[in-house]
Amino acid sequence: MKSKSLLIAATLISVFIASSCNNSGKDRERNVVNATIINDDNMKIQMSFDNKNGTATMIFMGDTTVLHQDTTASGIKYSNSVYRYNEWHGEVVLEKDGKVVFTKK
């Protein structure tokens, strides 16, 4: 009886692992992370990071824009010709036309 229970348990674990592996590929294809950041001045940034495409869609003060991921050694950086978004060690800095318009520590 114990060997039959072990066989059933092993089968269930194998099925679970196989289904998890199959789903993880689909999750990577749709690897979009949404975040809302509110700073001490009650300003808000809404971000939708698309890790597959290396882009982020940002909504800030009624302005919606797409940023492109930049290579960094640590943290994350997205930018376009107007905005630069940096996040490093939990600190967020958003620049518009070279001027800091949002910070969150």
PDB file of N, CA and C in Angstrom:
ATOM      1  N   MET A   1       0.833  -1.207   0.000  1.00  0.00           N
ATOM      2  CA  MET A   1       0.000   0.000   0.000  1.00  0.00           C
ATOM      3  C   MET A   1       0.870   1.261   0.000  1.00  0.00           C
ATOM      4  N   LYS A   2       1.979   1.221   0.797  1.00  0.00           N
ATOM      5  CA  LYS A   2       2.854   2.389   0.837  1.00  0.00           C
ATOM      6  C   LYS A   2       3.479   2.651  -0.525  1.00  0.00           C
ATOM      7  N   SER A   3       3.889   1.590  -1.227  1.00  0.00           N
ATOM      8  CA  SER A   3       4.521   1.797  -2.530  1.00  0.00           C
ATOM      9  C   SER A   3       3.524   2.356  -3.545  1.00  0.00           C
ATOM     10  N   LYS A   4       2.250   1.945  -3.438  1.00  0.00           N
ATOM     11  CA  LYS A   4       1.227   2.483  -4.335  1.00  0.00           C
ATOM     12  C   LYS A   4       1.005   3.970  -4.049  1.00  0.00           C
ATOM     13  N   SER A   5       0.989   4.351  -2.764  1.00  0.00           N
ATOM     14  CA  SER A   5       0.832   5.762  -2.382  1.00  0.00           C
ATOM     15  C   SER A   5       2.020   6.581  -2.850  1.00  0.00           C
ATOM     16  N   LEU A   6       3.224   6.013  -2.712  1.00  0.00           N
ATOM     17  CA  LEU A   6       4.420   6.718  -3.178  1.00  0.00           C
ATOM     18  C   LEU A   6       4.394   6.891  -4.689  1.00  0.00           C
ATOM     19  N   LEU A   7       3.939   5.871  -5.410  1.00  0.00           N
ATOM     20  CA  LEU A   7       3.852   5.951  -6.861  1.00  0.00           C
ATOM     21  C   LEU A   7       2.857   7.037  -7.282  1.00  0.00           C
ATOM     22  N   ILE A   8       1.717   7.100  -6.627  1.00  0.00           N
ATOM     23  CA  ILE A   8       0.716   8.133  -6.933  1.00  0.00           C
ATOM     24  C   ILE A   8       1.276   9.519  -6.629  1.00  0.00           C
ATOM     25  N   ALA A   9       1.942   9.652  -5.472  1.00  0.00           N
ATOM     26  CA  ALA A   9       2.523  10.948  -5.104  1.00  0.00           C
ATOM     27  C   ALA A   9       3.587  11.362  -6.108  1.00  0.00           C
ATOM     28  N   ALA A  10       4.448  10.436  -6.502  1.00  0.00           N
ATOM     29  CA  ALA A  10       5.499  10.737  -7.477  1.00  0.00           C
ATOM     30  C   ALA A  10       4.901  11.143  -8.819  1.00  0.00           C
ATOM     31  N   THR A  11       3.830  10.478  -9.236  1.00  0.00           N
ATOM     32  CA  THR A  11       3.163  10.819 -10.490  1.00  0.00           C
ATOM     33  C   THR A  11       2.568  12.218 -10.433  1.00  0.00           C
ATOM     34  N   LEU A  12       1.908  12.523  -9.331  1.00  0.00           N
ATOM     35  CA  LEU A  12       1.314  13.856  -9.181  1.00  0.00           C
ATOM     36  C   LEU A  12       2.385  14.942  -9.183  1.00  0.00           C
ATOM     37  N   ILE A  13       3.494  14.692  -8.504  1.00  0.00           N
ATOM     38  CA  ILE A  13       4.585  15.672  -8.481  1.00  0.00           C
ATOM     39  C   ILE A  13       5.146  15.854  -9.881  1.00  0.00           C
ATOM     40  N   SER A  14       5.336  14.749 -10.610  1.00  0.00           N
ATOM     41  CA  SER A  14       5.854  14.848 -11.981  1.00  0.00           C
ATOM     42  C   SER A  14       4.932  15.653 -12.881  1.00  0.00           C
ATOM     43  N   VAL A  15       3.624  15.398 -12.757  1.00  0.00           N
ATOM     44  CA  VAL A  15       2.646  16.146 -13.561  1.00  0.00           C
ATOM     45  C   VAL A  15       2.685  17.625 -13.201  1.00  0.00           C
ATOM     46  N   PHE A  16       2.772  17.933 -11.899  1.00  0.00           N
ATOM     47  CA  PHE A  16       2.829  19.321 -11.457  1.00  0.00           C
ATOM     48  C   PHE A  16       4.074  20.018 -11.998  1.00  0.00           C
ATOM     49  N   ILE A  17       5.228  19.349 -11.905  1.00  0.00           N
ATOM     50  CA  ILE A  17       6.478  19.944 -12.394  1.00  0.00           C
ATOM     51  C   ILE A  17       6.405  20.156 -13.897  1.00  0.00           C
ATOM     52  N   ALA A  18       5.890  19.169 -14.632  1.00  0.00           N
ATOM     53  CA  ALA A  18       5.786  19.310 -16.083  1.00  0.00           C
ATOM     54  C   ALA A  18       4.866  20.462 -16.463  1.00  0.00           C
ATOM     55  N   SER A  19       3.735  20.584 -15.777  1.00  0.00           N
ATOM     56  CA  SER A  19       2.819  21.685 -16.104  1.00  0.00           C
ATOM     57  C   SER A  19       3.414  23.021 -15.722  1.00  0.00           C
ATOM     58  N   SER A  20       4.180  23.063 -14.635  1.00  0.00           N
ATOM     59  CA  SER A  20       4.839  24.313 -14.235  1.00  0.00           C
ATOM     60  C   SER A  20       5.868  24.726 -15.259  1.00  0.00           C
ATOM     61  N   CYS A  21       6.619  23.774 -15.766  1.00  0.00           N
ATOM     62  CA  CYS A  21       7.629  24.078 -16.779  1.00  0.00           C
ATOM     63  C   CYS A  21       6.975  24.591 -18.055  1.00  0.00           C
ATOM     64  N   ASN A  22       5.869  23.977 -18.456  1.00  0.00           N
ATOM     65  CA  ASN A  22       5.176  24.434 -19.661  1.00  0.00           C
ATOM     66  C   ASN A  22       4.620  25.828 -19.480  1.00  0.00           C
ATOM     67  N   ASN A  23       4.083  26.144 -18.307  1.00  0.00           N
ATOM     68  CA  ASN A  23       3.516  27.467 -18.067  1.00  0.00           C
ATOM     69  C   ASN A  23       4.590  28.531 -17.955  1.00  0.00           C
ATOM     70  N   SER A  24       5.772  28.165 -17.435  1.00  0.00           N
ATOM     71  CA  SER A  24       6.803  29.177 -17.239  1.00  0.00           C
ATOM     72  C   SER A  24       7.234  29.776 -18.570  1.00  0.00           C
ATOM     73  N   GLY A  25       7.242  28.987 -19.642  1.00  0.00           N
ATOM     74  CA  GLY A  25       7.573  29.525 -20.956  1.00  0.00           C
ATOM     75  C   GLY A  25       6.536  30.528 -21.415  1.00  0.00           C
ATOM     76  N   LYS A  26       5.266  30.222 -21.186  1.00  0.00           N
ATOM     77  CA  LYS A  26       4.198  31.152 -21.554  1.00  0.00           C
ATOM     78  C   LYS A  26       4.289  32.416 -20.715  1.00  0.00           C
ATOM     79  N   ASP A  27       4.604  32.268 -19.419  1.00  0.00           N
ATOM     80  CA  ASP A  27       4.723  33.441 -18.557  1.00  0.00           C
ATOM     81  C   ASP A  27       5.869  34.317 -19.017  1.00  0.00           C
ATOM     82  N   ARG A  28       6.962  33.730 -19.459  1.00  0.00           N
ATOM     83  CA  ARG A  28       8.078  34.530 -19.938  1.00  0.00           C
ATOM     84  C   ARG A  28       7.691  35.291 -21.193  1.00  0.00           C
ATOM     85  N   GLU A  29       6.851  34.678 -22.055  1.00  0.00           N
ATOM     86  CA  GLU A  29       6.411  35.360 -23.262  1.00  0.00           C
ATOM     87  C   GLU A  29       5.551  36.568 -22.930  1.00  0.00           C
ATOM     88  N   ARG A  30       4.817  36.490 -21.837  1.00  0.00           N
ATOM     89  CA  ARG A  30       3.928  37.581 -21.435  1.00  0.00           C
ATOM     90  C   ARG A  30       4.468  38.243 -20.183  1.00  0.00           C
ATOM     91  N   ASN A  31       5.745  38.440 -20.112  1.00  0.00           N
ATOM     92  CA  ASN A  31       6.384  38.931 -18.904  1.00  0.00           C
ATOM     93  C   ASN A  31       6.197  40.445 -18.776  1.00  0.00           C
ATOM     94  N   VAL A  32       5.004  40.831 -18.375  1.00  0.00           N
ATOM     95  CA  VAL A  32       4.677  42.242 -18.180  1.00  0.00           C
ATOM     96  C   VAL A  32       4.432  42.461 -16.697  1.00  0.00           C
ATOM     97  N   VAL A  33       5.129  43.447 -16.147  1.00  0.00           N
ATOM     98  CA  VAL A  33       4.999  43.768 -14.729  1.00  0.00           C
ATOM     99  C   VAL A  33       4.436  45.175 -14.613  1.00  0.00           C
ATOM    100  N   ASN A  34       3.370  45.324 -13.845  1.00  0.00           N
ATOM    101  CA  ASN A  34       2.753  46.633 -13.636  1.00  0.00           C
ATOM    102  C   ASN A  34       3.130  47.161 -12.265  1.00  0.00           C
ATOM    103  N   ALA A  35       3.392  48.447 -12.186  1.00  0.00           N
ATOM    104  CA  ALA A  35       3.753  49.059 -10.906  1.00  0.00           C
ATOM    105  C   ALA A  35       3.207  50.477 -10.850  1.00  0.00           C
ATOM    106  N   THR A  36       2.840  50.884  -9.652  1.00  0.00           N
ATOM    107  CA  THR A  36       2.446  52.262  -9.391  1.00  0.00           C
ATOM    108  C   THR A  36       3.358  52.786  -8.298  1.00  0.00           C
ATOM    109  N   ILE A  37       3.965  53.922  -8.543  1.00  0.00           N
ATOM    110  CA  ILE A  37       4.911  54.518  -7.600  1.00  0.00           C
ATOM    111  C   ILE A  37       4.364  55.877  -7.198  1.00  0.00           C
ATOM    112  N   ILE A  38       4.226  56.082  -5.899  1.00  0.00           N
ATOM    113  CA  ILE A  38       3.742  57.360  -5.371  1.00  0.00           C
ATOM    114  C   ILE A  38       4.820  57.901  -4.438  1.00  0.00           C
ATOM    115  N   ASN A  39       5.225  59.153  -4.669  1.00  0.00           N
ATOM    116  CA  ASN A  39       6.284  59.716  -3.829  1.00  0.00           C
ATOM    117  C   ASN A  39       5.701  60.512  -2.663  1.00  0.00           C
ATOM    118  N   ASP A  40       6.581  61.134  -1.881  1.00  0.00           N
ATOM    119  CA  ASP A  40       6.160  61.879  -0.689  1.00  0.00           C
ATOM    120  C   ASP A  40       5.309  63.106  -1.019  1.00  0.00           C
ATOM    121  N   ASP A  41       5.418  63.619  -2.243  1.00  0.00           N
ATOM    122  CA  ASP A  41       4.606  64.762  -2.675  1.00  0.00           C
ATOM    123  C   ASP A  41       3.280  64.320  -3.288  1.00  0.00           C
ATOM    124  N   ASN A  42       2.964  63.018  -3.168  1.00  0.00           N
ATOM    125  CA  ASN A  42       1.737  62.420  -3.682  1.00  0.00           C
ATOM    126  C   ASN A  42       1.655  62.457  -5.214  1.00  0.00           C
ATOM    127  N   MET A  43       2.815  62.548  -5.870  1.00  0.00           N
ATOM    128  CA  MET A  43       2.874  62.433  -7.326  1.00  0.00           C
ATOM    129  C   MET A  43       2.917  60.946  -7.665  1.00  0.00           C
ATOM    130  N   LYS A  44       2.362  60.578  -8.824  1.00  0.00           N
ATOM    131  CA  LYS A  44       2.238  59.172  -9.161  1.00  0.00           C
ATOM    132  C   LYS A  44       2.790  58.880 -10.549  1.00  0.00           C
ATOM    133  N   ILE A  45       3.502  57.737 -10.652  1.00  0.00           N
ATOM    134  CA  ILE A  45       3.929  57.187 -11.932  1.00  0.00           C
ATOM    135  C   ILE A  45       3.303  55.799 -12.040  1.00  0.00           C
ATOM    136  N   GLN A  46       2.653  55.528 -13.161  1.00  0.00           N
ATOM    137  CA  GLN A  46       2.166  54.179 -13.445  1.00  0.00           C
ATOM    138  C   GLN A  46       3.056  53.605 -14.539  1.00  0.00           C
ATOM    139  N   MET A  47       3.593  52.405 -14.283  1.00  0.00           N
ATOM    140  CA  MET A  47       4.517  51.779 -15.218  1.00  0.00           C
ATOM    141  C   MET A  47       4.015  50.396 -15.596  1.00  0.00           C
ATOM    142  N   SER A  48       4.217  50.037 -16.833  1.00  0.00           N
ATOM    143  CA  SER A  48       3.959  48.694 -17.320  1.00  0.00           C
ATOM    144  C   SER A  48       5.229  48.252 -18.032  1.00  0.00           C
ATOM    145  N   PHE A  49       6.016  47.387 -17.367  1.00  0.00           N
ATOM    146  CA  PHE A  49       7.299  46.930 -17.893  1.00  0.00           C
ATOM    147  C   PHE A  49       7.081  45.681 -18.739  1.00  0.00           C
ATOM    148  N   ASP A  50       7.466  45.724 -19.996  1.00  0.00           N
ATOM    149  CA  ASP A  50       7.395  44.561 -20.885  1.00  0.00           C
ATOM    150  C   ASP A  50       8.817  44.050 -21.049  1.00  0.00           C
ATOM    151  N   ASN A  51       9.171  43.066 -20.230  1.00  0.00           N
ATOM    152  CA  ASN A  51      10.544  42.567 -20.212  1.00  0.00           C
ATOM    153  C   ASN A  51      10.914  41.815 -21.483  1.00  0.00           C
ATOM    154  N   LYS A  52       9.947  41.231 -22.159  1.00  0.00           N
ATOM    155  CA  LYS A  52      10.241  40.521 -23.407  1.00  0.00           C
ATOM    156  C   LYS A  52      10.703  41.499 -24.483  1.00  0.00           C
ATOM    157  N   ASN A  53      10.030  42.636 -24.583  1.00  0.00           N
ATOM    158  CA  ASN A  53      10.354  43.621 -25.620  1.00  0.00           C
ATOM    159  C   ASN A  53      11.323  44.698 -25.156  1.00  0.00           C
ATOM    160  N   GLY A  54      11.655  44.707 -23.862  1.00  0.00           N
ATOM    161  CA  GLY A  54      12.587  45.711 -23.357  1.00  0.00           C
ATOM    162  C   GLY A  54      12.023  47.114 -23.372  1.00  0.00           C
ATOM    163  N   THR A  55      10.715  47.232 -23.116  1.00  0.00           N
ATOM    164  CA  THR A  55      10.079  48.543 -23.099  1.00  0.00           C
ATOM    165  C   THR A  55       9.277  48.728 -21.814  1.00  0.00           C
ATOM    166  N   ALA A  56       8.945  49.960 -21.544  1.00  0.00           N
ATOM    167  CA  ALA A  56       8.062  50.285 -20.426  1.00  0.00           C
ATOM    168  C   ALA A  56       7.127  51.393 -20.889  1.00  0.00           C
ATOM    169  N   THR A  57       5.849  51.219 -20.611  1.00  0.00           N
ATOM    170  CA  THR A  57       4.879  52.268 -20.892  1.00  0.00           C
ATOM    171  C   THR A  57       4.644  53.005 -19.587  1.00  0.00           C
ATOM    172  N   MET A  58       4.810  54.311 -19.614  1.00  0.00           N
ATOM    173  CA  MET A  58       4.728  55.122 -18.408  1.00  0.00           C
ATOM    174  C   MET A  58       3.623  56.151 -18.546  1.00  0.00           C
ATOM    175  N   ILE A  59       2.858  56.312 -17.470  1.00  0.00           N
ATOM    176  CA  ILE A  59       1.871  57.390 -17.384  1.00  0.00           C
ATOM    177  C   ILE A  59       2.310  58.279 -16.232  1.00  0.00           C
ATOM    178  N   PHE A  60       2.590  59.541 -16.543  1.00  0.00           N
ATOM    179  CA  PHE A  60       3.039  60.507 -15.537  1.00  0.00           C
ATOM    180  C   PHE A  60       2.415  61.854 -15.845  1.00  0.00           C
ATOM    181  N   MET A  61       1.635  62.360 -14.908  1.00  0.00           N
ATOM    182  CA  MET A  61       0.977  63.662 -15.020  1.00  0.00           C
ATOM    183  C   MET A  61       0.202  63.799 -16.339  1.00  0.00           C
ATOM    184  N   GLY A  62      -0.560  62.747 -16.685  1.00  0.00           N
ATOM    185  CA  GLY A  62      -1.387  62.771 -17.879  1.00  0.00           C
ATOM    186  C   GLY A  62      -0.644  62.488 -19.169  1.00  0.00           C
ATOM    187  N   ASP A  63       0.663  62.301 -19.104  1.00  0.00           N
ATOM    188  CA  ASP A  63       1.491  62.056 -20.275  1.00  0.00           C
ATOM    189  C   ASP A  63       1.787  60.558 -20.354  1.00  0.00           C
ATOM    190  N   THR A  64       1.398  59.907 -21.446  1.00  0.00           N
ATOM    191  CA  THR A  64       1.686  58.490 -21.657  1.00  0.00           C
ATOM    192  C   THR A  64       2.788  58.377 -22.693  1.00  0.00           C
ATOM    193  N   THR A  65       3.833  57.624 -22.359  1.00  0.00           N
ATOM    194  CA  THR A  65       4.967  57.486 -23.264  1.00  0.00           C
ATOM    195  C   THR A  65       5.595  56.107 -23.134  1.00  0.00           C
ATOM    196  N   VAL A  66       6.260  55.681 -24.184  1.00  0.00           N
ATOM    197  CA  VAL A  66       6.976  54.410 -24.182  1.00  0.00           C
ATOM    198  C   VAL A  66       8.463  54.694 -24.031  1.00  0.00           C
ATOM    199  N   LEU A  67       9.067  53.996 -23.088  1.00  0.00           N
ATOM    200  CA  LEU A  67      10.502  54.111 -22.832  1.00  0.00           C
ATOM    201  C   LEU A  67      11.174  52.808 -23.240  1.00  0.00           C
ATOM    202  N   HIS A  68      12.435  52.888 -23.621  1.00  0.00           N
ATOM    203  CA  HIS A  68      13.188  51.709 -24.036  1.00  0.00           C
ATOM    204  C   HIS A  68      14.247  51.385 -22.983  1.00  0.00           C
ATOM    205  N   GLN A  69      14.409  50.102 -22.722  1.00  0.00           N
ATOM    206  CA  GLN A  69      15.331  49.651 -21.684  1.00  0.00           C
ATOM    207  C   GLN A  69      16.768  49.925 -22.101  1.00  0.00           C
ATOM    208  N   ASP A  70      17.556  50.447 -21.155  1.00  0.00           N
ATOM    209  CA  ASP A  70      18.978  50.680 -21.350  1.00  0.00           C
ATOM    210  C   ASP A  70      19.749  49.654 -20.518  1.00  0.00           C
ATOM    211  N   THR A  71      20.944  49.319 -20.944  1.00  0.00           N
ATOM    212  CA  THR A  71      21.781  48.365 -20.219  1.00  0.00           C
ATOM    213  C   THR A  71      22.393  49.032 -19.000  1.00  0.00           C
ATOM    214  N   THR A  72      22.292  48.346 -17.852  1.00  0.00           N
ATOM    215  CA  THR A  72      22.914  48.835 -16.624  1.00  0.00           C
ATOM    216  C   THR A  72      23.597  47.675 -15.920  1.00  0.00           C
ATOM    217  N   ALA A  73      24.573  47.987 -15.077  1.00  0.00           N
ATOM    218  CA  ALA A  73      25.235  46.951 -14.288  1.00  0.00           C
ATOM    219  C   ALA A  73      24.322  46.498 -13.147  1.00  0.00           C
ATOM    220  N   SER A  74      23.572  47.423 -12.592  1.00  0.00           N
ATOM    221  CA  SER A  74      22.587  47.087 -11.559  1.00  0.00           C
ATOM    222  C   SER A  74      21.451  48.097 -11.623  1.00  0.00           C
ATOM    223  N   GLY A  75      20.323  47.725 -11.087  1.00  0.00           N
ATOM    224  CA  GLY A  75      19.148  48.589 -11.164  1.00  0.00           C
ATOM    225  C   GLY A  75      18.519  48.497 -12.539  1.00  0.00           C
ATOM    226  N   ILE A  76      17.594  49.414 -12.819  1.00  0.00           N
ATOM    227  CA  ILE A  76      16.960  49.450 -14.135  1.00  0.00           C
ATOM    228  C   ILE A  76      16.973  50.871 -14.667  1.00  0.00           C
ATOM    229  N   LYS A  77      17.023  50.967 -15.982  1.00  0.00           N
ATOM    230  CA  LYS A  77      17.014  52.285 -16.630  1.00  0.00           C
ATOM    231  C   LYS A  77      16.236  52.163 -17.928  1.00  0.00           C
ATOM    232  N   TYR A  78      15.279  53.078 -18.105  1.00  0.00           N
ATOM    233  CA  TYR A  78      14.497  53.181 -19.332  1.00  0.00           C
ATOM    234  C   TYR A  78      14.528  54.627 -19.772  1.00  0.00           C
ATOM    235  N   SER A  79      14.547  54.854 -21.080  1.00  0.00           N
ATOM    236  CA  SER A  79      14.579  56.241 -21.545  1.00  0.00           C
ATOM    237  C   SER A  79      14.044  56.348 -22.965  1.00  0.00           C
ATOM    238  N   ASN A  80      13.765  57.582 -23.327  1.00  0.00           N
ATOM    239  CA  ASN A  80      13.474  57.951 -24.714  1.00  0.00           C
ATOM    240  C   ASN A  80      14.050  59.347 -24.906  1.00  0.00           C
ATOM    241  N   SER A  81      13.647  60.044 -25.945  1.00  0.00           N
ATOM    242  CA  SER A  81      14.247  61.358 -26.218  1.00  0.00           C
ATOM    243  C   SER A  81      13.844  62.426 -25.206  1.00  0.00           C
ATOM    244  N   VAL A  82      12.812  62.185 -24.401  1.00  0.00           N
ATOM    245  CA  VAL A  82      12.334  63.177 -23.436  1.00  0.00           C
ATOM    246  C   VAL A  82      12.572  62.741 -21.992  1.00  0.00           C
ATOM    247  N   TYR A  83      12.251  61.484 -21.676  1.00  0.00           N
ATOM    248  CA  TYR A  83      12.290  60.990 -20.300  1.00  0.00           C
ATOM    249  C   TYR A  83      13.444  60.020 -20.065  1.00  0.00           C
ATOM    250  N   ARG A  84      13.926  60.016 -18.819  1.00  0.00           N
ATOM    251  CA  ARG A  84      14.885  59.019 -18.353  1.00  0.00           C
ATOM    252  C   ARG A  84      14.407  58.546 -16.981  1.00  0.00           C
ATOM    253  N   TYR A  85      14.134  57.241 -16.870  1.00  0.00           N
ATOM    254  CA  TYR A  85      13.657  56.617 -15.634  1.00  0.00           C
ATOM    255  C   TYR A  85      14.760  55.713 -15.098  1.00  0.00           C
ATOM    256  N   ASN A  86      15.175  55.952 -13.844  1.00  0.00           N
ATOM    257  CA  ASN A  86      16.186  55.123 -13.186  1.00  0.00           C
ATOM    258  C   ASN A  86      15.637  54.596 -11.877  1.00  0.00           C
ATOM    259  N   GLU A  87      15.907  53.330 -11.597  1.00  0.00           N
ATOM    260  CA  GLU A  87      15.561  52.743 -10.307  1.00  0.00           C
ATOM    261  C   GLU A  87      16.768  51.945  -9.840  1.00  0.00           C
ATOM    262  N   TRP A  88      17.284  52.308  -8.663  1.00  0.00           N
ATOM    263  CA  TRP A  88      18.478  51.661  -8.137  1.00  0.00           C
ATOM    264  C   TRP A  88      18.400  51.645  -6.619  1.00  0.00           C
ATOM    265  N   HIS A  89      18.558  50.492  -6.027  1.00  0.00           N
ATOM    266  CA  HIS A  89      18.508  50.316  -4.573  1.00  0.00           C
ATOM    267  C   HIS A  89      17.240  50.922  -3.970  1.00  0.00           C
ATOM    268  N   GLY A  90      16.123  50.760  -4.648  1.00  0.00           N
ATOM    269  CA  GLY A  90      14.841  51.232  -4.134  1.00  0.00           C
ATOM    270  C   GLY A  90      14.584  52.713  -4.340  1.00  0.00           C
ATOM    271  N   GLU A  91      15.505  53.404  -4.948  1.00  0.00           N
ATOM    272  CA  GLU A  91      15.308  54.838  -5.221  1.00  0.00           C
ATOM    273  C   GLU A  91      14.933  55.032  -6.685  1.00  0.00           C
ATOM    274  N   VAL A  92      13.877  55.796  -6.919  1.00  0.00           N
ATOM    275  CA  VAL A  92      13.391  56.076  -8.269  1.00  0.00           C
ATOM    276  C   VAL A  92      13.661  57.540  -8.588  1.00  0.00           C
ATOM    277  N   VAL A  93      14.201  57.774  -9.786  1.00  0.00           N
ATOM    278  CA  VAL A  93      14.417  59.139 -10.272  1.00  0.00           C
ATOM    279  C   VAL A  93      13.894  59.204 -11.705  1.00  0.00           C
ATOM    280  N   LEU A  94      13.029  60.171 -11.957  1.00  0.00           N
ATOM    281  CA  LEU A  94      12.517  60.405 -13.305  1.00  0.00           C
ATOM    282  C   LEU A  94      12.954  61.797 -13.732  1.00  0.00           C
ATOM    283  N   GLU A  95      13.585  61.853 -14.900  1.00  0.00           N
ATOM    284  CA  GLU A  95      14.002  63.131 -15.475  1.00  0.00           C
ATOM    285  C   GLU A  95      13.206  63.384 -16.748  1.00  0.00           C
ATOM    286  N   LYS A  96      12.856  64.639 -16.949  1.00  0.00           N
ATOM    287  CA  LYS A  96      12.209  65.068 -18.195  1.00  0.00           C
ATOM    288  C   LYS A  96      13.052  66.188 -18.771  1.00  0.00           C
ATOM    289  N   ASP A  97      13.519  65.993 -19.981  1.00  0.00           N
ATOM    290  CA  ASP A  97      14.397  66.966 -20.647  1.00  0.00           C
ATOM    291  C   ASP A  97      15.586  67.336 -19.765  1.00  0.00           C
ATOM    292  N   GLY A  98      16.153  66.346 -19.069  1.00  0.00           N
ATOM    293  CA  GLY A  98      17.352  66.565 -18.255  1.00  0.00           C
ATOM    294  C   GLY A  98      17.102  67.121 -16.865  1.00  0.00           C
ATOM    295  N   LYS A  99      15.855  67.416 -16.516  1.00  0.00           N
ATOM    296  CA  LYS A  99      15.533  67.963 -15.196  1.00  0.00           C
ATOM    297  C   LYS A  99      14.781  66.926 -14.383  1.00  0.00           C
ATOM    298  N   VAL A 100      15.136  66.765 -13.106  1.00  0.00           N
ATOM    299  CA  VAL A 100      14.465  65.815 -12.235  1.00  0.00           C
ATOM    300  C   VAL A 100      13.047  66.314 -11.953  1.00  0.00           C
ATOM    301  N   VAL A 101      12.055  65.466 -12.274  1.00  0.00           N
ATOM    302  CA  VAL A 101      10.655  65.839 -12.063  1.00  0.00           C
ATOM    303  C   VAL A 101       9.962  64.932 -11.053  1.00  0.00           C
ATOM    304  N   PHE A 102      10.645  63.840 -10.645  1.00  0.00           N
ATOM    305  CA  PHE A 102      10.048  62.906  -9.710  1.00  0.00           C
ATOM    306  C   PHE A 102      11.155  62.129  -9.026  1.00  0.00           C
ATOM    307  N   THR A 103      11.051  62.016  -7.676  1.00  0.00           N
ATOM    308  CA  THR A 103      11.954  61.167  -6.921  1.00  0.00           C
ATOM    309  C   THR A 103      11.157  60.400  -5.872  1.00  0.00           C
ATOM    310  N   LYS A 104      11.624  59.223  -5.582  1.00  0.00           N
ATOM    311  CA  LYS A 104      11.013  58.381  -4.523  1.00  0.00           C
ATOM    312  C   LYS A 104      12.151  57.584  -3.889  1.00  0.00           C
ATOM    313  N   LYS A 105      12.328  57.779  -2.594  1.00  0.00           N
ATOM    314  CA  LYS A 105      13.369  57.040  -1.868  1.00  0.00           C
ATOM    315  C   LYS A 105      12.763  55.971  -1.022  1.00  0.00           C
TER     316      LYS A 105
END
